[in-house]
């Protein structure tokens, strides 16, 4: 309920310790840290494109023609 309340009220109490970014949900902060600070990247086996999230890679693979 607290997470829902934060989203509804626009409160951003989850702060990145490495930059000034603030988020209303811990999952958004986690995604930010992975994408921006940890530079975890996956590579498409068909075309070599770098992709940050596994879910995005799965979506990409459905449409990739392997340039």
C-alpha atoms as a PDB file:
ATOM      1  CA  UNK A   1       0.000   0.000   0.000  1.00  0.00           C
ATOM      2  CA  UNK A   2       2.853   2.382   0.767  1.00  0.00           C
ATOM      3  CA  UNK A   3       4.297   1.912  -2.739  1.00  0.00           C
ATOM      4  CA  UNK A   4       0.861   2.592  -4.245  1.00  0.00           C
ATOM      5  CA  UNK A   5       0.478   5.722  -2.110  1.00  0.00           C
ATOM      6  CA  UNK A   6       3.869   7.007  -3.256  1.00  0.00           C
ATOM      7  CA  UNK A   7       2.926   6.578  -6.909  1.00  0.00           C
ATOM      8  CA  UNK A   8      -0.415   8.269  -6.419  1.00  0.00           C
ATOM      9  CA  UNK A   9       1.035  11.228  -4.547  1.00  0.00           C
ATOM     10  CA  UNK A  10       4.131  11.564  -6.694  1.00  0.00           C
ATOM     11  CA  UNK A  11       6.509  11.193  -3.749  1.00  0.00           C
ATOM     12  CA  UNK A  12      10.013  10.125  -4.675  1.00  0.00           C
ATOM     13  CA  UNK A  13      11.656   8.738  -1.571  1.00  0.00           C
ATOM     14  CA  UNK A  14      14.012   6.227  -3.213  1.00  0.00           C
ATOM     15  CA  UNK A  15      17.233   8.020  -4.094  1.00  0.00           C
ATOM     16  CA  UNK A  16      20.148   6.774  -6.130  1.00  0.00           C
ATOM     17  CA  UNK A  17      23.328   6.818  -4.062  1.00  0.00           C
ATOM     18  CA  UNK A  18      25.443   7.390  -7.177  1.00  0.00           C
ATOM     19  CA  UNK A  19      23.629  10.364  -8.716  1.00  0.00           C
ATOM     20  CA  UNK A  20      20.770  12.780  -8.069  1.00  0.00           C
ATOM     21  CA  UNK A  21      17.976  10.566  -9.465  1.00  0.00           C
ATOM     22  CA  UNK A  22      14.892   9.913  -7.319  1.00  0.00           C
ATOM     23  CA  UNK A  23      12.153   7.330  -7.773  1.00  0.00           C
ATOM     24  CA  UNK A  24       8.777   6.564  -6.233  1.00  0.00           C
ATOM     25  CA  UNK A  25       9.265   2.774  -6.286  1.00  0.00           C
ATOM     26  CA  UNK A  26      12.275   0.645  -5.371  1.00  0.00           C
ATOM     27  CA  UNK A  27      11.958  -1.376  -8.595  1.00  0.00           C
ATOM     28  CA  UNK A  28      12.418   1.791 -10.663  1.00  0.00           C
ATOM     29  CA  UNK A  29      15.521   2.689  -8.679  1.00  0.00           C
ATOM     30  CA  UNK A  30      16.891  -0.837  -9.199  1.00  0.00           C
ATOM     31  CA  UNK A  31      16.277  -0.617 -12.950  1.00  0.00           C
ATOM     32  CA  UNK A  32      18.004   2.776 -13.053  1.00  0.00           C
ATOM     33  CA  UNK A  33      21.084   1.455 -11.235  1.00  0.00           C
ATOM     34  CA  UNK A  34      21.337  -1.530 -13.560  1.00  0.00           C
ATOM     35  CA  UNK A  35      20.886   0.504 -16.739  1.00  0.00           C
ATOM     36  CA  UNK A  36      22.955   3.566 -15.865  1.00  0.00           C
ATOM     37  CA  UNK A  37      25.561   2.641 -13.286  1.00  0.00           C
ATOM     38  CA  UNK A  38      26.214  -1.083 -13.649  1.00  0.00           C
ATOM     39  CA  UNK A  39      26.178  -1.045 -17.452  1.00  0.00           C
ATOM     40  CA  UNK A  40      24.849  -4.592 -17.623  1.00  0.00           C
ATOM     41  CA  UNK A  41      24.248  -5.200 -21.282  1.00  0.00           C
ATOM     42  CA  UNK A  42      23.025  -8.142 -23.254  1.00  0.00           C
ATOM     43  CA  UNK A  43      23.839  -8.604 -26.908  1.00  0.00           C
ATOM     44  CA  UNK A  44      21.424  -9.773 -29.573  1.00  0.00           C
ATOM     45  CA  UNK A  45      22.820 -12.986 -31.045  1.00  0.00           C
ATOM     46  CA  UNK A  46      21.283 -12.134 -34.433  1.00  0.00           C
ATOM     47  CA  UNK A  47      22.396  -8.532 -35.013  1.00  0.00           C
ATOM     48  CA  UNK A  48      24.784  -7.717 -32.146  1.00  0.00           C
ATOM     49  CA  UNK A  49      22.717  -4.829 -30.748  1.00  0.00           C
ATOM     50  CA  UNK A  50      23.429  -4.040 -27.066  1.00  0.00           C
ATOM     51  CA  UNK A  51      20.329  -4.248 -24.893  1.00  0.00           C
ATOM     52  CA  UNK A  52      20.105  -3.519 -21.155  1.00  0.00           C
ATOM     53  CA  UNK A  53      17.130  -5.600 -19.993  1.00  0.00           C
ATOM     54  CA  UNK A  54      16.379  -9.263 -20.625  1.00  0.00           C
ATOM     55  CA  UNK A  55      12.712  -8.483 -21.295  1.00  0.00           C
ATOM     56  CA  UNK A  56      13.746  -5.954 -23.955  1.00  0.00           C
ATOM     57  CA  UNK A  57      16.064  -8.526 -25.530  1.00  0.00           C
ATOM     58  CA  UNK A  58      13.220 -11.041 -25.704  1.00  0.00           C
ATOM     59  CA  UNK A  59      10.971  -8.456 -27.388  1.00  0.00           C
ATOM     60  CA  UNK A  60      13.796  -7.434 -29.735  1.00  0.00           C
ATOM     61  CA  UNK A  61      14.454 -11.046 -30.770  1.00  0.00           C
ATOM     62  CA  UNK A  62      10.832 -11.466 -31.909  1.00  0.00           C
ATOM     63  CA  UNK A  63      11.331  -8.692 -34.484  1.00  0.00           C
ATOM     64  CA  UNK A  64      15.043  -8.885 -35.285  1.00  0.00           C
ATOM     65  CA  UNK A  65      15.914  -9.874 -38.838  1.00  0.00           C
ATOM     66  CA  UNK A  66      19.613 -10.237 -38.069  1.00  0.00           C
ATOM     67  CA  UNK A  67      21.244  -7.365 -39.972  1.00  0.00           C
END
